C-alpha atoms as a PDB file:
ATOM      1  CA  MET A   1      -8.200  15.439  10.420  1.00  0.00           C
ATOM      2  CA  VAL A   2      -4.668  15.509   9.452  1.00  0.00           C
ATOM      3  CA  LEU A   3      -4.764  12.998   6.796  1.00  0.00           C
ATOM      4  CA  THR A   4      -7.811  14.943   5.247  1.00  0.00           C
ATOM      5  CA  TRP A   5      -5.528  18.355   5.237  1.00  0.00           C
ATOM      6  CA  LEU A   6      -2.652  16.167   3.689  1.00  0.00           C
ATOM      7  CA  ALA A   7      -4.778  14.703   1.042  1.00  0.00           C
ATOM      8  CA  ILE A   8      -6.164  18.225   0.130  1.00  0.00           C
ATOM      9  CA  ILE A   9      -2.695  19.978   0.070  1.00  0.00           C
ATOM     10  CA  ALA A  10      -1.282  16.867  -2.009  1.00  0.00           C
ATOM     11  CA  SER A  11      -4.151  17.262  -4.451  1.00  0.00           C
ATOM     12  CA  LEU A  12      -3.690  21.041  -4.806  1.00  0.00           C
ATOM     13  CA  LEU A  13       0.137  20.361  -5.232  1.00  0.00           C
ATOM     14  CA  MET A  14      -0.474  17.771  -8.180  1.00  0.00           C
ATOM     15  CA  GLY A  15      -3.086  20.218  -9.864  1.00  0.00           C
ATOM     16  CA  MET A  16      -0.659  23.017  -9.694  1.00  0.00           C
ATOM     17  CA  GLY A  17       1.985  20.533 -11.099  1.00  0.00           C
ATOM     18  CA  GLY A  18      -0.275  19.692 -13.978  1.00  0.00           C
ATOM     19  CA  VAL A  19      -1.056  23.621 -14.649  1.00  0.00           C
ATOM     20  CA  PHE A  20       2.777  24.259 -14.726  1.00  0.00           C
ATOM     21  CA  LEU A  21       3.289  21.338 -17.175  1.00  0.00           C
ATOM     22  CA  PHE A  22       0.673  22.589 -19.505  1.00  0.00           C
ATOM     23  CA  ILE A  23       2.143  25.986 -19.493  1.00  0.00           C
ATOM     24  CA  PHE A  24       5.659  24.676 -20.131  1.00  0.00           C
ATOM     25  CA  ALA A  25       4.231  22.691 -22.994  1.00  0.00           C
ATOM     26  CA  VAL A  26       2.445  25.559 -24.508  1.00  0.00           C
ATOM     27  CA  LYS A  27       5.233  27.619 -24.108  1.00  0.00           C
ATOM     28  CA  ARG A  28       7.662  25.215 -25.821  1.00  0.00           C
ATOM     29  CA  ASP A  29       5.217  24.933 -28.452  1.00  0.00           C
ATOM     30  CA  TYR A  30       4.506  21.097 -28.269  1.00  0.00           C
ATOM     31  CA  PHE A  31       0.959  21.716 -29.227  1.00  0.00           C
ATOM     32  CA  ARG A  32       1.747  23.319 -32.699  1.00  0.00           C
ATOM     33  CA  ASN A  33       0.591  20.795 -35.100  1.00  0.00           C
ATOM     34  CA  ILE A  34      -1.278  17.936 -33.363  1.00  0.00           C
ATOM     35  CA  GLU A  35      -3.457  17.252 -36.556  1.00  0.00           C
ATOM     36  CA  GLU A  36      -0.404  15.686 -38.212  1.00  0.00           C
ATOM     37  CA  THR A  37       0.085  13.217 -35.201  1.00  0.00           C
ATOM     38  CA  LYS A  38      -3.758  12.381 -35.683  1.00  0.00           C
ATOM     39  CA  TYR A  39      -3.440  11.458 -39.237  1.00  0.00           C
ATOM     40  CA  GLN A  40      -0.466   9.389 -38.536  1.00  0.00           C
ATOM     41  CA  VAL A  41      -1.900   7.253 -36.148  1.00  0.00           C
ATOM     42  CA  PHE A  42      -5.236   6.877 -38.350  1.00  0.00           C
ATOM     43  CA  TRP A  43      -2.999   5.833 -41.525  1.00  0.00           C
ATOM     44  CA  SER A  44      -1.034   3.475 -39.420  1.00  0.00           C
ATOM     45  CA  ASP A  45      -4.263   1.640 -38.339  1.00  0.00           C
ATOM     46  CA  VAL A  46      -5.769   1.847 -41.903  1.00  0.00           C
ATOM     47  CA  GLU A  47      -2.370   0.155 -43.278  1.00  0.00           C
ATOM     48  CA  GLU A  48      -2.694  -2.664 -40.415  1.00  0.00           C
ATOM     49  CA  LEU A  49      -6.322  -3.526 -41.483  1.00  0.00           C
ATOM     50  CA  VAL A  50      -5.499  -3.653 -45.168  1.00  0.00           C
ATOM     51  CA  ALA A  51      -2.084  -5.859 -44.378  1.00  0.00           C
ATOM     52  CA  SER A  52      -4.364  -8.209 -42.437  1.00  0.00           C
ATOM     53  CA  SER A  53      -7.109  -8.381 -45.049  1.00  0.00           C
ATOM     54  CA  GLN A  54      -4.561  -8.970 -47.655  1.00  0.00           C
ATOM     55  CA  GLU A  55      -2.940 -11.903 -45.696  1.00  0.00           C
ATOM     56  CA  GLU A  56      -6.307 -13.243 -45.054  1.00  0.00           C
ATOM     57  CA  GLN A  57      -7.172 -13.370 -48.896  1.00  0.00           C
ATOM     58  CA  ARG A  58      -3.664 -15.041 -49.560  1.00  0.00           C
ATOM     59  CA  ASN A  59      -4.388 -17.760 -46.806  1.00  0.00           C
ATOM     60  CA  ASP A  60      -7.807 -18.397 -48.333  1.00  0.00           C
ATOM     61  CA  ASN A  61      -6.284 -18.622 -51.708  1.00  0.00           C
ATOM     62  CA  GLU A  62      -3.833 -21.121 -50.692  1.00  0.00           C
ATOM     63  CA  LYS A  63      -6.617 -23.223 -49.037  1.00  0.00           C
ATOM     64  CA  ASP A  64      -8.774 -23.134 -52.278  1.00  0.00           C
ATOM     65  CA  GLN A  65      -5.596 -24.502 -54.301  1.00  0.00           C
END
C-alpha cells in the first residue's frame, strides 16, 4: 500500500512539474512563432529529397555512359 501512495504522489509531482514547465514556456514566449519552425523542418526534408533524387539521376547517367 505504501508503494501505491508513493507512485500516486510521484505521478502528481511529475504532472505539476509539467504544468509549471508549460506555464514557464508560455510566459517566456517560447510558443510565439511555431509556424516558422514547422516550415523549416518541412523545407529541409524537401531539400534532402531533391538532393537524393539529383544524385540518383547523376548515378544513372554515369552508368549509361
